[in-house]
Amino acid sequence: AEANDAFESALAADPDCAEAYEGLATVAYLDGDLVEAVKHYTKLTMLKPSEARFYTNLGAIYNRIGEHMKAAEVLRK
C-alpha cells in the first residue's frame, strides 16, 4: 500500500511519469490484480512505445488471464 501511494503521488506530480506507471503495474501484479496491471502496462506502451519489455509483460499477463488473442497481438508489436 505504501509503494502504491508513493507511485500515485508521483503521477499526481507528473501524469506521464513512466517509472510511476511501471511501479504501479508491478505492485498490481504482485498483489494479483492482473486487470489493474494490464491497465498500467497498456499506458506504458503508449508512453514508451519502443520499450519491448512493456509489451512482453503485457502479453504475458494477457496470456495468464486467458486472453490469448490479445497476448499474441501485443507480443507481435
PDB file of N, CA and C in Angstrom:
ATOM      1  N   ALA A   1       0.829  -1.198   0.000  1.00  0.00           N
ATOM      2  CA  ALA A   1       0.000   0.000   0.000  1.00  0.00           C
ATOM      3  C   ALA A   1       0.872   1.259   0.000  1.00  0.00           C
ATOM      4  N   GLU A   2       1.953   1.199   0.753  1.00  0.00           N
ATOM      5  CA  GLU A   2       2.849   2.361   0.834  1.00  0.00           C
ATOM      6  C   GLU A   2       3.490   2.653  -0.527  1.00  0.00           C
ATOM      7  N   ALA A   3       3.932   1.611  -1.206  1.00  0.00           N
ATOM      8  CA  ALA A   3       4.539   1.790  -2.527  1.00  0.00           C
ATOM      9  C   ALA A   3       3.505   2.335  -3.504  1.00  0.00           C
ATOM     10  N   ASN A   4       2.311   1.792  -3.460  1.00  0.00           N
ATOM     11  CA  ASN A   4       1.242   2.246  -4.345  1.00  0.00           C
ATOM     12  C   ASN A   4       0.968   3.739  -4.128  1.00  0.00           C
ATOM     13  N   ASP A   5       0.907   4.154  -2.882  1.00  0.00           N
ATOM     14  CA  ASP A   5       0.675   5.567  -2.567  1.00  0.00           C
ATOM     15  C   ASP A   5       1.803   6.447  -3.102  1.00  0.00           C
ATOM     16  N   ALA A   6       3.023   5.983  -2.980  1.00  0.00           N
ATOM     17  CA  ALA A   6       4.168   6.758  -3.472  1.00  0.00           C
ATOM     18  C   ALA A   6       4.105   6.915  -4.991  1.00  0.00           C
ATOM     19  N   PHE A   7       3.755   5.839  -5.690  1.00  0.00           N
ATOM     20  CA  PHE A   7       3.655   5.930  -7.155  1.00  0.00           C
ATOM     21  C   PHE A   7       2.486   6.819  -7.582  1.00  0.00           C
ATOM     22  N   GLU A   8       1.379   6.752  -6.843  1.00  0.00           N
ATOM     23  CA  GLU A   8       0.234   7.627  -7.137  1.00  0.00           C
ATOM     24  C   GLU A   8       0.616   9.087  -6.927  1.00  0.00           C
ATOM     25  N   SER A   9       1.385   9.371  -5.895  1.00  0.00           N
ATOM     26  CA  SER A   9       1.853  10.739  -5.645  1.00  0.00           C
ATOM     27  C   SER A   9       2.754  11.216  -6.774  1.00  0.00           C
ATOM     28  N   ALA A  10       3.606  10.331  -7.256  1.00  0.00           N
ATOM     29  CA  ALA A  10       4.484  10.688  -8.380  1.00  0.00           C
ATOM     30  C   ALA A  10       3.661  11.019  -9.620  1.00  0.00           C
ATOM     31  N   LEU A  11       2.582  10.265  -9.854  1.00  0.00           N
ATOM     32  CA  LEU A  11       1.723  10.545 -11.009  1.00  0.00           C
ATOM     33  C   LEU A  11       0.960  11.852 -10.839  1.00  0.00           C
ATOM     34  N   ALA A  12       0.617  12.188  -9.607  1.00  0.00           N
ATOM     35  CA  ALA A  12      -0.056  13.466  -9.370  1.00  0.00           C
ATOM     36  C   ALA A  12       0.860  14.626  -9.751  1.00  0.00           C
ATOM     37  N   ALA A  13       2.150  14.456  -9.505  1.00  0.00           N
ATOM     38  CA  ALA A  13       3.127  15.490  -9.851  1.00  0.00           C
ATOM     39  C   ALA A  13       3.459  15.488 -11.341  1.00  0.00           C
ATOM     40  N   ASP A  14       3.467  14.299 -11.939  1.00  0.00           N
ATOM     41  CA  ASP A  14       3.802  14.161 -13.362  1.00  0.00           C
ATOM     42  C   ASP A  14       2.947  13.040 -13.958  1.00  0.00           C
ATOM     43  N   PRO A  15       1.823  13.387 -14.588  1.00  0.00           N
ATOM     44  CA  PRO A  15       0.899  12.378 -15.110  1.00  0.00           C
ATOM     45  C   PRO A  15       1.481  11.464 -16.192  1.00  0.00           C
ATOM     46  N   ASP A  16       2.623  11.802 -16.735  1.00  0.00           N
ATOM     47  CA  ASP A  16       3.262  10.974 -17.755  1.00  0.00           C
ATOM     48  C   ASP A  16       4.532  10.290 -17.251  1.00  0.00           C
ATOM     49  N   CYS A  17       4.643  10.107 -15.959  1.00  0.00           N
ATOM     50  CA  CYS A  17       5.831   9.502 -15.366  1.00  0.00           C
ATOM     51  C   CYS A  17       5.812   7.982 -15.585  1.00  0.00           C
ATOM     52  N   ALA A  18       6.588   7.542 -16.548  1.00  0.00           N
ATOM     53  CA  ALA A  18       6.618   6.114 -16.891  1.00  0.00           C
ATOM     54  C   ALA A  18       7.079   5.259 -15.717  1.00  0.00           C
ATOM     55  N   GLU A  19       8.023   5.761 -14.949  1.00  0.00           N
ATOM     56  CA  GLU A  19       8.529   4.986 -13.817  1.00  0.00           C
ATOM     57  C   GLU A  19       7.427   4.738 -12.790  1.00  0.00           C
ATOM     58  N   ALA A  20       6.552   5.715 -12.586  1.00  0.00           N
ATOM     59  CA  ALA A  20       5.441   5.541 -11.645  1.00  0.00           C
ATOM     60  C   ALA A  20       4.450   4.504 -12.171  1.00  0.00           C
ATOM     61  N   TYR A  21       4.144   4.564 -13.460  1.00  0.00           N
ATOM     62  CA  TYR A  21       3.240   3.558 -14.039  1.00  0.00           C
ATOM     63  C   TYR A  21       3.850   2.164 -13.951  1.00  0.00           C
ATOM     64  N   GLU A  22       5.146   2.069 -14.179  1.00  0.00           N
ATOM     65  CA  GLU A  22       5.794   0.765 -14.078  1.00  0.00           C
ATOM     66  C   GLU A  22       5.737   0.248 -12.636  1.00  0.00           C
ATOM     67  N   GLY A  23       5.941   1.140 -11.684  1.00  0.00           N
ATOM     68  CA  GLY A  23       5.824   0.747 -10.284  1.00  0.00           C
ATOM     69  C   GLY A  23       4.425   0.293  -9.930  1.00  0.00           C
ATOM     70  N   LEU A  24       3.416   1.030 -10.399  1.00  0.00           N
ATOM     71  CA  LEU A  24       2.025   0.649 -10.145  1.00  0.00           C
ATOM     72  C   LEU A  24       1.695  -0.692 -10.790  1.00  0.00           C
ATOM     73  N   ALA A  25       2.212  -0.916 -11.996  1.00  0.00           N
ATOM     74  CA  ALA A  25       1.978  -2.192 -12.679  1.00  0.00           C
ATOM     75  C   ALA A  25       2.594  -3.342 -11.895  1.00  0.00           C
ATOM     76  N   THR A  26       3.780  -3.133 -11.392  1.00  0.00           N
ATOM     77  CA  THR A  26       4.472  -4.168 -10.620  1.00  0.00           C
ATOM     78  C   THR A  26       3.733  -4.461  -9.319  1.00  0.00           C
ATOM     79  N   VAL A  27       3.319  -3.414  -8.626  1.00  0.00           N
ATOM     80  CA  VAL A  27       2.567  -3.593  -7.379  1.00  0.00           C
ATOM     81  C   VAL A  27       1.269  -4.353  -7.654  1.00  0.00           C
ATOM     82  N   ALA A  28       0.556  -3.950  -8.696  1.00  0.00           N
ATOM     83  CA  ALA A  28      -0.702  -4.618  -9.033  1.00  0.00           C
ATOM     84  C   ALA A  28      -0.461  -6.090  -9.351  1.00  0.00           C
ATOM     85  N   TYR A  29       0.572  -6.359 -10.136  1.00  0.00           N
ATOM     86  CA  TYR A  29       0.891  -7.751 -10.490  1.00  0.00           C
ATOM     87  C   TYR A  29       1.203  -8.569  -9.236  1.00  0.00           C
ATOM     88  N   LEU A  30       2.036  -8.032  -8.382  1.00  0.00           N
ATOM     89  CA  LEU A  30       2.410  -8.754  -7.160  1.00  0.00           C
ATOM     90  C   LEU A  30       1.226  -8.951  -6.220  1.00  0.00           C
ATOM     91  N   ASP A  31       0.262  -8.025  -6.264  1.00  0.00           N
ATOM     92  CA  ASP A  31      -0.945  -8.155  -5.452  1.00  0.00           C
ATOM     93  C   ASP A  31      -1.976  -9.089  -6.096  1.00  0.00           C
ATOM     94  N   GLY A  32      -1.685  -9.539  -7.310  1.00  0.00           N
ATOM     95  CA  GLY A  32      -2.615 -10.427  -8.008  1.00  0.00           C
ATOM     96  C   GLY A  32      -3.729  -9.701  -8.731  1.00  0.00           C
ATOM     97  N   ASP A  33      -3.639  -8.384  -8.838  1.00  0.00           N
ATOM     98  CA  ASP A  33      -4.650  -7.600  -9.549  1.00  0.00           C
ATOM     99  C   ASP A  33      -4.204  -7.438 -10.997  1.00  0.00           C
ATOM    100  N   LEU A  34      -4.413  -8.486 -11.772  1.00  0.00           N
ATOM    101  CA  LEU A  34      -3.906  -8.508 -13.140  1.00  0.00           C
ATOM    102  C   LEU A  34      -4.630  -7.527 -14.051  1.00  0.00           C
ATOM    103  N   VAL A  35      -5.893  -7.255 -13.779  1.00  0.00           N
ATOM    104  CA  VAL A  35      -6.628  -6.271 -14.580  1.00  0.00           C
ATOM    105  C   VAL A  35      -6.009  -4.886 -14.404  1.00  0.00           C
ATOM    106  N   GLU A  36      -5.662  -4.550 -13.193  1.00  0.00           N
ATOM    107  CA  GLU A  36      -5.012  -3.261 -12.921  1.00  0.00           C
ATOM    108  C   GLU A  36      -3.613  -3.232 -13.542  1.00  0.00           C
ATOM    109  N   ALA A  37      -2.905  -4.324 -13.489  1.00  0.00           N
ATOM    110  CA  ALA A  37      -1.579  -4.393 -14.110  1.00  0.00           C
ATOM    111  C   ALA A  37      -1.682  -4.180 -15.617  1.00  0.00           C
ATOM    112  N   VAL A  38      -2.693  -4.770 -16.243  1.00  0.00           N
ATOM    113  CA  VAL A  38      -2.917  -4.570 -17.687  1.00  0.00           C
ATOM    114  C   VAL A  38      -3.124  -3.090 -17.976  1.00  0.00           C
ATOM    115  N   LYS A  39      -3.919  -2.436 -17.153  1.00  0.00           N
ATOM    116  CA  LYS A  39      -4.189  -1.008 -17.345  1.00  0.00           C
ATOM    117  C   LYS A  39      -2.893  -0.199 -17.344  1.00  0.00           C
ATOM    118  N   HIS A  40      -2.030  -0.475 -16.390  1.00  0.00           N
ATOM    119  CA  HIS A  40      -0.789   0.298 -16.282  1.00  0.00           C
ATOM    120  C   HIS A  40       0.207  -0.059 -17.386  1.00  0.00           C
ATOM    121  N   TYR A  41       0.321  -1.337 -17.725  1.00  0.00           N
ATOM    122  CA  TYR A  41       1.226  -1.707 -18.820  1.00  0.00           C
ATOM    123  C   TYR A  41       0.732  -1.169 -20.160  1.00  0.00           C
ATOM    124  N   THR A  42      -0.575  -1.115 -20.337  1.00  0.00           N
ATOM    125  CA  THR A  42      -1.122  -0.527 -21.560  1.00  0.00           C
ATOM    126  C   THR A  42      -0.723   0.940 -21.663  1.00  0.00           C
ATOM    127  N   LYS A  43      -0.839   1.658 -20.558  1.00  0.00           N
ATOM    128  CA  LYS A  43      -0.421   3.068 -20.541  1.00  0.00           C
ATOM    129  C   LYS A  43       1.072   3.191 -20.856  1.00  0.00           C
ATOM    130  N   LEU A  44       1.853   2.286 -20.317  1.00  0.00           N
ATOM    131  CA  LEU A  44       3.301   2.312 -20.582  1.00  0.00           C
ATOM    132  C   LEU A  44       3.615   2.100 -22.054  1.00  0.00           C
ATOM    133  N   THR A  45       2.869   1.229 -22.734  1.00  0.00           N
ATOM    134  CA  THR A  45       3.121   1.011 -24.164  1.00  0.00           C
ATOM    135  C   THR A  45       2.805   2.271 -24.971  1.00  0.00           C
ATOM    136  N   MET A  46       1.908   3.097 -24.443  1.00  0.00           N
ATOM    137  CA  MET A  46       1.599   4.360 -25.121  1.00  0.00           C
ATOM    138  C   MET A  46       2.663   5.417 -24.824  1.00  0.00           C
ATOM    139  N   LEU A  47       3.127   5.446 -23.582  1.00  0.00           N
ATOM    140  CA  LEU A  47       4.139   6.427 -23.201  1.00  0.00           C
ATOM    141  C   LEU A  47       5.515   6.112 -23.779  1.00  0.00           C
ATOM    142  N   LYS A  48       5.850   4.823 -23.822  1.00  0.00           N
ATOM    143  CA  LYS A  48       7.181   4.388 -24.268  1.00  0.00           C
ATOM    144  C   LYS A  48       7.027   3.261 -25.296  1.00  0.00           C
ATOM    145  N   PRO A  49       6.552   3.584 -26.491  1.00  0.00           N
ATOM    146  CA  PRO A  49       6.271   2.529 -27.479  1.00  0.00           C
ATOM    147  C   PRO A  49       7.492   1.737 -27.959  1.00  0.00           C
ATOM    148  N   SER A  50       8.676   2.234 -27.706  1.00  0.00           N
ATOM    149  CA  SER A  50       9.866   1.497 -28.151  1.00  0.00           C
ATOM    150  C   SER A  50      10.427   0.565 -27.073  1.00  0.00           C
ATOM    151  N   GLU A  51       9.804   0.529 -25.900  1.00  0.00           N
ATOM    152  CA  GLU A  51      10.267  -0.328 -24.798  1.00  0.00           C
ATOM    153  C   GLU A  51       9.614  -1.710 -24.904  1.00  0.00           C
ATOM    154  N   ALA A  52      10.352  -2.657 -25.410  1.00  0.00           N
ATOM    155  CA  ALA A  52       9.819  -4.001 -25.644  1.00  0.00           C
ATOM    156  C   ALA A  52       9.364  -4.688 -24.364  1.00  0.00           C
ATOM    157  N   ARG A  53      10.004  -4.396 -23.250  1.00  0.00           N
ATOM    158  CA  ARG A  53       9.648  -5.099 -22.011  1.00  0.00           C
ATOM    159  C   ARG A  53       8.216  -4.825 -21.576  1.00  0.00           C
ATOM    160  N   PHE A  54       7.690  -3.651 -21.904  1.00  0.00           N
ATOM    161  CA  PHE A  54       6.312  -3.354 -21.529  1.00  0.00           C
ATOM    162  C   PHE A  54       5.336  -4.215 -22.342  1.00  0.00           C
ATOM    163  N   TYR A  55       5.634  -4.407 -23.610  1.00  0.00           N
ATOM    164  CA  TYR A  55       4.802  -5.288 -24.443  1.00  0.00           C
ATOM    165  C   TYR A  55       4.922  -6.742 -23.983  1.00  0.00           C
ATOM    166  N   THR A  56       6.130  -7.139 -23.639  1.00  0.00           N
ATOM    167  CA  THR A  56       6.354  -8.511 -23.166  1.00  0.00           C
ATOM    168  C   THR A  56       5.571  -8.776 -21.883  1.00  0.00           C
ATOM    169  N   ASN A  57       5.658  -7.853 -20.944  1.00  0.00           N
ATOM    170  CA  ASN A  57       4.936  -8.020 -19.684  1.00  0.00           C
ATOM    171  C   ASN A  57       3.424  -7.998 -19.906  1.00  0.00           C
ATOM    172  N   LEU A  58       2.955  -7.088 -20.739  1.00  0.00           N
ATOM    173  CA  LEU A  58       1.531  -7.000 -21.032  1.00  0.00           C
ATOM    174  C   LEU A  58       1.041  -8.280 -21.700  1.00  0.00           C
ATOM    175  N   GLY A  59       1.797  -8.772 -22.671  1.00  0.00           N
ATOM    176  CA  GLY A  59       1.430 -10.015 -23.343  1.00  0.00           C
ATOM    177  C   GLY A  59       1.401 -11.196 -22.391  1.00  0.00           C
ATOM    178  N   ALA A  60       2.367 -11.258 -21.489  1.00  0.00           N
ATOM    179  CA  ALA A  60       2.416 -12.355 -20.513  1.00  0.00           C
ATOM    180  C   ALA A  60       1.208 -12.317 -19.585  1.00  0.00           C
ATOM    181  N   ILE A  61       0.803 -11.122 -19.183  1.00  0.00           N
ATOM    182  CA  ILE A  61      -0.362 -11.009 -18.303  1.00  0.00           C
ATOM    183  C   ILE A  61      -1.636 -11.388 -19.057  1.00  0.00           C
ATOM    184  N   TYR A  62      -1.780 -10.903 -20.280  1.00  0.00           N
ATOM    185  CA  TYR A  62      -2.945 -11.306 -21.077  1.00  0.00           C
ATOM    186  C   TYR A  62      -3.000 -12.829 -21.205  1.00  0.00           C
ATOM    187  N   ASN A  63      -1.870 -13.438 -21.451  1.00  0.00           N
ATOM    188  CA  ASN A  63      -1.823 -14.896 -21.561  1.00  0.00           C
ATOM    189  C   ASN A  63      -2.257 -15.553 -20.254  1.00  0.00           C
ATOM    190  N   ARG A  64      -1.793 -15.008 -19.165  1.00  0.00           N
ATOM    191  CA  ARG A  64      -2.104 -15.575 -17.844  1.00  0.00           C
ATOM    192  C   ARG A  64      -3.589 -15.500 -17.510  1.00  0.00           C
ATOM    193  N   ILE A  65      -4.262 -14.439 -17.984  1.00  0.00           N
ATOM    194  CA  ILE A  65      -5.688 -14.313 -17.702  1.00  0.00           C
ATOM    195  C   ILE A  65      -6.553 -14.949 -18.791  1.00  0.00           C
ATOM    196  N   GLY A  66      -5.904 -15.639 -19.726  1.00  0.00           N
ATOM    197  CA  GLY A  66      -6.639 -16.380 -20.743  1.00  0.00           C
ATOM    198  C   GLY A  66      -7.023 -15.583 -21.972  1.00  0.00           C
ATOM    199  N   GLU A  67      -6.497 -14.389 -22.105  1.00  0.00           N
ATOM    200  CA  GLU A  67      -6.761 -13.545 -23.282  1.00  0.00           C
ATOM    201  C   GLU A  67      -5.667 -13.799 -24.321  1.00  0.00           C
ATOM    202  N   HIS A  68      -5.686 -15.000 -24.887  1.00  0.00           N
ATOM    203  CA  HIS A  68      -4.588 -15.439 -25.745  1.00  0.00           C
ATOM    204  C   HIS A  68      -4.474 -14.650 -27.054  1.00  0.00           C
ATOM    205  N   MET A  69      -5.597 -14.261 -27.618  1.00  0.00           N
ATOM    206  CA  MET A  69      -5.538 -13.472 -28.855  1.00  0.00           C
ATOM    207  C   MET A  69      -4.921 -12.092 -28.589  1.00  0.00           C
ATOM    208  N   LYS A  70      -5.322 -11.463 -27.489  1.00  0.00           N
ATOM    209  CA  LYS A  70      -4.733 -10.159 -27.128  1.00  0.00           C
ATOM    210  C   LYS A  70      -3.255 -10.319 -26.829  1.00  0.00           C
ATOM    211  N   ALA A  71      -2.898 -11.420 -26.163  1.00  0.00           N
ATOM    212  CA  ALA A  71      -1.498 -11.676 -25.847  1.00  0.00           C
ATOM    213  C   ALA A  71      -0.671 -11.762 -27.123  1.00  0.00           C
ATOM    214  N   ALA A  72      -1.165 -12.516 -28.094  1.00  0.00           N
ATOM    215  CA  ALA A  72      -0.443 -12.673 -29.360  1.00  0.00           C
ATOM    216  C   ALA A  72      -0.328 -11.341 -30.089  1.00  0.00           C
ATOM    217  N   GLU A  73      -1.399 -10.566 -30.077  1.00  0.00           N
ATOM    218  CA  GLU A  73      -1.392  -9.260 -30.755  1.00  0.00           C
ATOM    219  C   GLU A  73      -0.356  -8.327 -30.130  1.00  0.00           C
ATOM    220  N   VAL A  74      -0.333  -8.272 -28.803  1.00  0.00           N
ATOM    221  CA  VAL A  74       0.612  -7.403 -28.103  1.00  0.00           C
ATOM    222  C   VAL A  74       2.042  -7.886 -28.327  1.00  0.00           C
ATOM    223  N   LEU A  75       2.252  -9.166 -28.256  1.00  0.00           N
ATOM    224  CA  LEU A  75       3.613  -9.692 -28.398  1.00  0.00           C
ATOM    225  C   LEU A  75       4.144  -9.526 -29.824  1.00  0.00           C
ATOM    226  N   ARG A  76       3.265  -9.459 -30.814  1.00  0.00           N
ATOM    227  CA  ARG A  76       3.715  -9.207 -32.193  1.00  0.00           C
ATOM    228  C   ARG A  76       4.289  -7.797 -32.328  1.00  0.00           C
ATOM    229  N   LYS A  77       3.747  -6.872 -31.553  1.00  0.00           N
ATOM    230  CA  LYS A  77       4.240  -5.477 -31.625  1.00  0.00           C
ATOM    231  C   LYS A  77       5.652  -5.400 -31.123  1.00  0.00           C
TER     232      LYS A  77
END
